Amino acid sequence: MRILLVEDDIMIGQTVKEAVEQEHYVVDLVTDAAMCEAAIATTKFDLMLLDINLPDKSGIEILKNIRNSKNNIPILILTARDSINQKIEGLNNGADDYLVKPFDLEELLARINALARRSKGISNPTIIYAELELNPLTHKFTNNKVEIDLSPKEFAIMKSLMENIGKVISKDYLENILYSWDDSVESNTVEVHIHHLRKKINRNIIKTIRGIGYIIEEGNV
C-alpha cells in the first residue's frame, strides 16, 4: 500500500515516514499543499495522512478539493490537541478518521491498518484463500498452516493479489505500491518477485495475463 504523508514539520514527517515504512508500507512525504496537490495529480495513493496546519493552504481546503473531485482515497487528518473545530470540520468534509498531536506511533499504525481494511471491505485482518492465509497486522503468511518467509515486497504483492481475487492487478499498479519516489525500479523487478513467490508457494496460483498483469483466479484451488 502506498501512503501520501502531508506534514510541514520535516522532523515529525521523517519520524512518521520511517515508522510506517517499518510496517512495509510505501510512504511519500510532502511538506506543503502545492506538493500535495502535485502528488495527487500524478500518483495513485491508497491512503493519505493529512496535517491540517500547512504553510500555504489549510489541510481542510485540500480535503474539500479532493472530495469535490470524487476522489475517495481514505484520509486520516492530523490535528493539534486544542483544535476541536478542525476535527469536526474535517470529519464533516469527508475525512475518514483523525488523530490528535502529539500521537503515539502505535496508535497511528493501528488506525492506518483499520482504514486500509475498511477501504477494501475487509473486517477480519486475516485474508484466506484455499490453504493460504495472510495477516497484514502480524505480517505472517502461511501455506497449509506452514509459515512461509516472504520479503516485504513479496508480502505486499501477495496481499494485493489476495485482496483482489478474480481481478487482474497490473504491473504498473504493483510497482506503484512497492516503490516510493526515492526508490529506483529495475524494469523486471516485479517479475522477479512473482518468480520468487511462485517458488515459495510451490503452486501455480498466481497466473500471468500477458501484457496486462497478474491474477489469482476465483476457484483456483
C-alpha atoms as a PDB file:
ATOM      1  CA  MET A   1       0.000   0.000   0.000  1.00  0.00           C
ATOM      2  CA  ARG A   2       1.272   3.457  -0.902  1.00  0.00           C
ATOM      3  CA  ILE A   3       0.669   6.342   1.504  1.00  0.00           C
ATOM      4  CA  LEU A   4       0.964  10.095   0.965  1.00  0.00           C
ATOM      5  CA  LEU A   5       2.101  11.841   4.142  1.00  0.00           C
ATOM      6  CA  VAL A   6       1.472  15.609   4.195  1.00  0.00           C
ATOM      7  CA  GLU A   7       3.368  17.160   7.116  1.00  0.00           C
ATOM      8  CA  ASP A   8       5.124  20.537   7.155  1.00  0.00           C
ATOM      9  CA  ASP A   9       7.348  19.705  10.139  1.00  0.00           C
ATOM     10  CA  ILE A  10      10.132  17.755   8.437  1.00  0.00           C
ATOM     11  CA  MET A  11      11.351  16.129  11.677  1.00  0.00           C
ATOM     12  CA  ILE A  12       7.869  14.839  12.518  1.00  0.00           C
ATOM     13  CA  GLY A  13       7.360  13.833   8.912  1.00  0.00           C
ATOM     14  CA  GLN A  14      10.574  11.803   8.734  1.00  0.00           C
ATOM     15  CA  THR A  15       9.819  10.107  12.057  1.00  0.00           C
ATOM     16  CA  VAL A  16       6.327   9.111  10.912  1.00  0.00           C
ATOM     17  CA  LYS A  17       7.604   8.045   7.481  1.00  0.00           C
ATOM     18  CA  GLU A  18      10.245   5.761   8.968  1.00  0.00           C
ATOM     19  CA  ALA A  19       7.811   4.226  11.473  1.00  0.00           C
ATOM     20  CA  VAL A  20       5.167   3.498   8.835  1.00  0.00           C
ATOM     21  CA  GLU A  21       7.748   2.095   6.428  1.00  0.00           C
ATOM     22  CA  GLN A  22       8.752  -0.376   9.149  1.00  0.00           C
ATOM     23  CA  GLU A  23       5.279  -1.849   8.608  1.00  0.00           C
ATOM     24  CA  HIS A  24       6.241  -2.412   4.952  1.00  0.00           C
ATOM     25  CA  TYR A  25       4.109   0.397   3.570  1.00  0.00           C
ATOM     26  CA  VAL A  26       5.481   2.729   0.904  1.00  0.00           C
ATOM     27  CA  VAL A  27       5.427   6.353   2.093  1.00  0.00           C
ATOM     28  CA  ASP A  28       5.968   9.565   0.125  1.00  0.00           C
ATOM     29  CA  LEU A  29       6.443  12.693   2.242  1.00  0.00           C
ATOM     30  CA  VAL A  30       5.477  16.198   1.125  1.00  0.00           C
ATOM     31  CA  THR A  31       5.648  19.345   3.238  1.00  0.00           C
ATOM     32  CA  ASP A  32       3.103  21.769   1.769  1.00  0.00           C
ATOM     33  CA  ALA A  33      -0.194  21.964  -0.103  1.00  0.00           C
ATOM     34  CA  ALA A  34       1.349  22.636  -3.502  1.00  0.00           C
ATOM     35  CA  MET A  35       3.463  19.497  -3.301  1.00  0.00           C
ATOM     36  CA  CYS A  36       0.453  17.548  -2.052  1.00  0.00           C
ATOM     37  CA  GLU A  37      -1.743  18.618  -4.960  1.00  0.00           C
ATOM     38  CA  ALA A  38       1.008  17.820  -7.475  1.00  0.00           C
ATOM     39  CA  ALA A  39       1.476  14.385  -5.910  1.00  0.00           C
ATOM     40  CA  ILE A  40      -2.222  13.563  -6.054  1.00  0.00           C
ATOM     41  CA  ALA A  41      -2.377  14.637  -9.686  1.00  0.00           C
ATOM     42  CA  THR A  42       0.487  12.374 -10.762  1.00  0.00           C
ATOM     43  CA  THR A  43       0.497   9.357  -8.436  1.00  0.00           C
ATOM     44  CA  LYS A  44      -2.061   6.813  -7.260  1.00  0.00           C
ATOM     45  CA  PHE A  45      -2.124   6.590  -3.465  1.00  0.00           C
ATOM     46  CA  ASP A  46      -4.061   4.164  -1.280  1.00  0.00           C
ATOM     47  CA  LEU A  47      -4.244   6.367   1.817  1.00  0.00           C
ATOM     48  CA  MET A  48      -3.366   9.897   2.930  1.00  0.00           C
ATOM     49  CA  LEU A  49      -2.143  11.258   6.263  1.00  0.00           C
ATOM     50  CA  LEU A  50      -3.016  14.949   6.125  1.00  0.00           C
ATOM     51  CA  ASP A  51      -1.770  17.616   8.522  1.00  0.00           C
ATOM     52  CA  ILE A  52      -4.355  20.373   8.861  1.00  0.00           C
ATOM     53  CA  ASN A  53      -1.961  23.266   9.536  1.00  0.00           C
ATOM     54  CA  LEU A  54       0.122  23.740   6.394  1.00  0.00           C
ATOM     55  CA  PRO A  55       2.098  26.886   5.494  1.00  0.00           C
ATOM     56  CA  ASP A  56       0.477  27.641   2.129  1.00  0.00           C
ATOM     57  CA  LYS A  57      -3.078  26.306   2.422  1.00  0.00           C
ATOM     58  CA  SER A  58      -5.315  24.730   5.031  1.00  0.00           C
ATOM     59  CA  GLY A  59      -5.487  20.956   5.024  1.00  0.00           C
ATOM     60  CA  ILE A  60      -9.265  21.351   5.224  1.00  0.00           C
ATOM     61  CA  GLU A  61      -9.231  23.094   1.841  1.00  0.00           C
ATOM     62  CA  ILE A  62      -7.147  20.269   0.382  1.00  0.00           C
ATOM     63  CA  LEU A  63      -9.612  17.774   1.834  1.00  0.00           C
ATOM     64  CA  LYS A  64     -12.579  19.604   0.301  1.00  0.00           C
ATOM     65  CA  ASN A  65     -10.908  19.730  -3.115  1.00  0.00           C
ATOM     66  CA  ILE A  66     -10.130  16.020  -3.011  1.00  0.00           C
ATOM     67  CA  ARG A  67     -13.704  15.090  -2.152  1.00  0.00           C
ATOM     68  CA  ASN A  68     -15.148  17.544  -4.690  1.00  0.00           C
ATOM     69  CA  SER A  69     -13.083  15.794  -7.357  1.00  0.00           C
ATOM     70  CA  LYS A  70     -14.789  12.495  -6.400  1.00  0.00           C
ATOM     71  CA  ASN A  71     -11.541  11.038  -5.082  1.00  0.00           C
ATOM     72  CA  ASN A  72     -12.444   8.560  -2.341  1.00  0.00           C
ATOM     73  CA  ILE A  73      -8.942   7.955  -1.004  1.00  0.00           C
ATOM     74  CA  PRO A  74      -9.064   7.195   2.741  1.00  0.00           C
ATOM     75  CA  ILE A  75      -7.826  10.278   4.618  1.00  0.00           C
ATOM     76  CA  LEU A  76      -6.668  10.473   8.219  1.00  0.00           C
ATOM     77  CA  ILE A  77      -6.261  14.064   9.363  1.00  0.00           C
ATOM     78  CA  LEU A  78      -3.670  15.142  11.928  1.00  0.00           C
ATOM     79  CA  THR A  79      -4.758  17.978  14.222  1.00  0.00           C
ATOM     80  CA  ALA A  80      -3.476  19.937  17.198  1.00  0.00           C
ATOM     81  CA  ARG A  81      -4.807  18.960  20.616  1.00  0.00           C
ATOM     82  CA  ASP A  82      -6.918  22.096  21.038  1.00  0.00           C
ATOM     83  CA  SER A  83      -8.383  22.134  17.507  1.00  0.00           C
ATOM     84  CA  ILE A  84     -11.773  20.548  18.181  1.00  0.00           C
ATOM     85  CA  ASN A  85     -13.438  22.650  15.490  1.00  0.00           C
ATOM     86  CA  GLN A  86     -10.871  21.475  12.933  1.00  0.00           C
ATOM     87  CA  LYS A  87     -11.596  17.860  13.790  1.00  0.00           C
ATOM     88  CA  ILE A  88     -15.324  18.385  13.373  1.00  0.00           C
ATOM     89  CA  GLU A  89     -14.842  20.343  10.137  1.00  0.00           C
ATOM     90  CA  GLY A  90     -12.510  17.668   8.783  1.00  0.00           C
ATOM     91  CA  LEU A  91     -14.913  14.826   9.500  1.00  0.00           C
ATOM     92  CA  ASN A  92     -17.841  16.795   8.085  1.00  0.00           C
ATOM     93  CA  ASN A  93     -15.892  17.380   4.860  1.00  0.00           C
ATOM     94  CA  GLY A  94     -15.033  13.773   4.217  1.00  0.00           C
ATOM     95  CA  ALA A  95     -12.109  12.770   6.424  1.00  0.00           C
ATOM     96  CA  ASP A  96     -12.308   9.122   7.473  1.00  0.00           C
ATOM     97  CA  ASP A  97     -10.522   9.470  10.790  1.00  0.00           C
ATOM     98  CA  TYR A  98      -8.391  11.879  12.819  1.00  0.00           C
ATOM     99  CA  LEU A  99      -5.508  11.736  15.236  1.00  0.00           C
ATOM    100  CA  VAL A 100      -4.502  14.408  17.724  1.00  0.00           C
ATOM    101  CA  LYS A 101      -0.893  15.586  18.005  1.00  0.00           C
ATOM    102  CA  PRO A 102       1.250  14.534  19.721  1.00  0.00           C
ATOM    103  CA  PHE A 103       0.189  10.969  18.949  1.00  0.00           C
ATOM    104  CA  ASP A 104       1.527   7.519  19.708  1.00  0.00           C
ATOM    105  CA  LEU A 105       3.026   5.863  16.635  1.00  0.00           C
ATOM    106  CA  GLU A 106       1.461   2.514  17.547  1.00  0.00           C
ATOM    107  CA  GLU A 107      -1.975   4.124  17.532  1.00  0.00           C
ATOM    108  CA  LEU A 108      -1.246   5.737  14.167  1.00  0.00           C
ATOM    109  CA  LEU A 109      -0.253   2.360  12.702  1.00  0.00           C
ATOM    110  CA  ALA A 110      -3.393   0.745  14.118  1.00  0.00           C
ATOM    111  CA  ARG A 111      -5.580   3.425  12.546  1.00  0.00           C
ATOM    112  CA  ILE A 112      -3.778   3.078   9.201  1.00  0.00           C
ATOM    113  CA  ASN A 113      -4.353  -0.684   9.252  1.00  0.00           C
ATOM    114  CA  ALA A 114      -8.023  -0.199  10.149  1.00  0.00           C
ATOM    115  CA  LEU A 115      -8.559   2.307   7.325  1.00  0.00           C
ATOM    116  CA  ALA A 116      -6.792   0.006   4.872  1.00  0.00           C
ATOM    117  CA  ARG A 117      -9.083  -2.893   5.806  1.00  0.00           C
ATOM    118  CA  ARG A 118     -12.186  -0.706   5.688  1.00  0.00           C
ATOM    119  CA  SER A 119     -11.313   0.627   2.225  1.00  0.00           C
ATOM    120  CA  LYS A 120     -11.099  -2.972   0.970  1.00  0.00           C
ATOM    121  CA  GLY A 121     -14.324  -4.003   2.690  1.00  0.00           C
ATOM    122  CA  ILE A 122     -12.396  -6.375   4.971  1.00  0.00           C
ATOM    123  CA  SER A 123     -13.430  -6.693   8.623  1.00  0.00           C
ATOM    124  CA  ASN A 124     -11.149  -9.593   9.548  1.00  0.00           C
ATOM    125  CA  PRO A 125      -7.473  -8.700   9.081  1.00  0.00           C
ATOM    126  CA  THR A 126      -6.584 -12.269   8.049  1.00  0.00           C
ATOM    127  CA  ILE A 127      -7.098 -12.918   4.333  1.00  0.00           C
ATOM    128  CA  ILE A 128      -7.767 -16.569   3.437  1.00  0.00           C
ATOM    129  CA  TYR A 129      -7.657 -18.225   0.030  1.00  0.00           C
ATOM    130  CA  ALA A 130      -7.724 -22.019  -0.109  1.00  0.00           C
ATOM    131  CA  GLU A 131      -4.854 -23.125   2.189  1.00  0.00           C
ATOM    132  CA  LEU A 132      -3.168 -19.726   2.046  1.00  0.00           C
ATOM    133  CA  GLU A 133      -3.531 -17.288   4.957  1.00  0.00           C
ATOM    134  CA  LEU A 134      -2.090 -13.776   5.110  1.00  0.00           C
ATOM    135  CA  ASN A 135      -2.271 -11.470   8.127  1.00  0.00           C
ATOM    136  CA  PRO A 136      -1.321  -7.826   7.387  1.00  0.00           C
ATOM    137  CA  LEU A 137      -1.066  -6.981  11.094  1.00  0.00           C
ATOM    138  CA  THR A 138       1.454  -9.664  12.029  1.00  0.00           C
ATOM    139  CA  HIS A 139       2.990  -9.933   8.543  1.00  0.00           C
ATOM    140  CA  LYS A 140       2.585 -13.694   8.700  1.00  0.00           C
ATOM    141  CA  PHE A 141       1.906 -15.773   5.600  1.00  0.00           C
ATOM    142  CA  THR A 142       1.142 -19.473   5.804  1.00  0.00           C
ATOM    143  CA  ASN A 143       0.580 -22.222   3.252  1.00  0.00           C
ATOM    144  CA  ASN A 144      -1.342 -25.181   4.661  1.00  0.00           C
ATOM    145  CA  LYS A 145      -0.573 -23.877   8.189  1.00  0.00           C
ATOM    146  CA  VAL A 146       3.184 -23.780   7.464  1.00  0.00           C
ATOM    147  CA  GLU A 147       4.675 -20.296   7.794  1.00  0.00           C
ATOM    148  CA  ILE A 148       6.417 -19.049   4.637  1.00  0.00           C
ATOM    149  CA  ASP A 149       9.096 -16.373   4.875  1.00  0.00           C
ATOM    150  CA  LEU A 150       8.285 -13.553   2.444  1.00  0.00           C
ATOM    151  CA  SER A 151      10.305 -10.418   1.837  1.00  0.00           C
ATOM    152  CA  PRO A 152       8.394  -7.145   2.473  1.00  0.00           C
ATOM    153  CA  LYS A 153       7.820  -6.632  -1.254  1.00  0.00           C
ATOM    154  CA  GLU A 154       6.759 -10.247  -1.819  1.00  0.00           C
ATOM    155  CA  PHE A 155       4.324  -9.846   1.079  1.00  0.00           C
ATOM    156  CA  ALA A 156       2.918  -6.627  -0.427  1.00  0.00           C
ATOM    157  CA  ILE A 157       2.378  -8.305  -3.805  1.00  0.00           C
ATOM    158  CA  MET A 158       0.700 -11.328  -2.245  1.00  0.00           C
ATOM    159  CA  LYS A 159      -1.515  -9.092  -0.113  1.00  0.00           C
ATOM    160  CA  SER A 160      -2.645  -7.104  -3.152  1.00  0.00           C
ATOM    161  CA  LEU A 161      -3.418 -10.260  -5.126  1.00  0.00           C
ATOM    162  CA  MET A 162      -5.291 -11.930  -2.261  1.00  0.00           C
ATOM    163  CA  GLU A 163      -7.343  -8.795  -1.609  1.00  0.00           C
ATOM    164  CA  ASN A 164      -8.422  -8.829  -5.254  1.00  0.00           C
ATOM    165  CA  ILE A 165      -9.236 -12.454  -6.035  1.00  0.00           C
ATOM    166  CA  GLY A 166     -10.528 -12.730  -9.605  1.00  0.00           C
ATOM    167  CA  LYS A 167      -9.169  -9.319 -10.627  1.00  0.00           C
ATOM    168  CA  VAL A 168      -6.119  -8.627 -12.758  1.00  0.00           C
ATOM    169  CA  ILE A 169      -3.506  -6.487 -10.988  1.00  0.00           C
ATOM    170  CA  SER A 170      -1.286  -4.612 -13.425  1.00  0.00           C
ATOM    171  CA  LYS A 171       2.484  -4.490 -13.230  1.00  0.00           C
ATOM    172  CA  ASP A 172       2.289  -0.678 -13.075  1.00  0.00           C
ATOM    173  CA  TYR A 173      -0.001  -0.865 -10.034  1.00  0.00           C
ATOM    174  CA  LEU A 174       2.332  -3.261  -8.252  1.00  0.00           C
ATOM    175  CA  GLU A 175       5.314  -1.010  -8.932  1.00  0.00           C
ATOM    176  CA  ASN A 176       3.284   1.903  -7.558  1.00  0.00           C
ATOM    177  CA  ILE A 177       2.617   0.176  -4.223  1.00  0.00           C
ATOM    178  CA  LEU A 178       6.150  -1.227  -3.919  1.00  0.00           C
ATOM    179  CA  TYR A 179       8.311   1.812  -4.556  1.00  0.00           C
ATOM    180  CA  SER A 180       8.363   5.431  -3.402  1.00  0.00           C
ATOM    181  CA  TRP A 181       9.788   8.370  -5.359  1.00  0.00           C
ATOM    182  CA  ASP A 182      13.126   7.785  -3.649  1.00  0.00           C
ATOM    183  CA  ASP A 183      13.494   4.237  -4.974  1.00  0.00           C
ATOM    184  CA  SER A 184      14.971   3.159  -8.284  1.00  0.00           C
ATOM    185  CA  VAL A 185      12.996   0.457 -10.099  1.00  0.00           C
ATOM    186  CA  GLU A 186      14.503  -2.093 -12.464  1.00  0.00           C
ATOM    187  CA  SER A 187      12.347  -2.997 -15.463  1.00  0.00           C
ATOM    188  CA  ASN A 188      11.943  -6.654 -14.428  1.00  0.00           C
ATOM    189  CA  THR A 189      11.656  -6.177 -10.661  1.00  0.00           C
ATOM    190  CA  VAL A 190       8.005  -7.228 -10.355  1.00  0.00           C
ATOM    191  CA  GLU A 191       8.610 -10.320 -12.487  1.00  0.00           C
ATOM    192  CA  VAL A 192      11.475 -11.333 -10.187  1.00  0.00           C
ATOM    193  CA  HIS A 193       9.291 -11.006  -7.083  1.00  0.00           C
ATOM    194  CA  ILE A 194       6.485 -13.012  -8.743  1.00  0.00           C
ATOM    195  CA  HIS A 195       9.002 -15.728  -9.687  1.00  0.00           C
ATOM    196  CA  HIS A 196      10.183 -15.973  -6.078  1.00  0.00           C
ATOM    197  CA  LEU A 197       6.610 -16.091  -4.787  1.00  0.00           C
ATOM    198  CA  ARG A 198       5.723 -18.950  -7.116  1.00  0.00           C
ATOM    199  CA  LYS A 199       8.712 -20.946  -5.898  1.00  0.00           C
ATOM    200  CA  LYS A 200       7.814 -20.368  -2.259  1.00  0.00           C
ATOM    201  CA  ILE A 201       4.126 -21.180  -2.656  1.00  0.00           C
ATOM    202  CA  ASN A 202       5.019 -24.172  -4.825  1.00  0.00           C
ATOM    203  CA  ARG A 203       1.761 -23.909  -6.740  1.00  0.00           C
ATOM    204  CA  ASN A 204       0.646 -22.219  -9.910  1.00  0.00           C
ATOM    205  CA  ILE A 205      -1.770 -19.957  -8.052  1.00  0.00           C
ATOM    206  CA  ILE A 206      -0.507 -16.691  -9.495  1.00  0.00           C
ATOM    207  CA  LYS A 207      -1.434 -16.506 -13.171  1.00  0.00           C
ATOM    208  CA  THR A 208       0.186 -14.157 -15.679  1.00  0.00           C
ATOM    209  CA  ILE A 209      -2.135 -12.298 -18.031  1.00  0.00           C
ATOM    210  CA  ARG A 210       0.334 -11.491 -20.769  1.00  0.00           C
ATOM    211  CA  GLY A 211       0.767  -7.788 -21.410  1.00  0.00           C
ATOM    212  CA  ILE A 212      -1.600  -6.852 -18.577  1.00  0.00           C
ATOM    213  CA  GLY A 213      -0.588  -8.184 -15.187  1.00  0.00           C
ATOM    214  CA  TYR A 214      -1.256 -10.941 -12.662  1.00  0.00           C
ATOM    215  CA  ILE A 215      -4.273 -12.619 -11.100  1.00  0.00           C
ATOM    216  CA  ILE A 216      -5.310 -15.203  -8.540  1.00  0.00           C
ATOM    217  CA  GLU A 217      -8.381 -16.672 -10.137  1.00  0.00           C
ATOM    218  CA  GLU A 218     -11.561 -17.464  -8.237  1.00  0.00           C
ATOM    219  CA  GLY A 219     -11.962 -21.171  -7.633  1.00  0.00           C
ATOM    220  CA  ASN A 220      -8.307 -21.849  -8.470  1.00  0.00           C
ATOM    221  CA  VAL A 221      -7.871 -24.268  -5.573  1.00  0.00           C
END
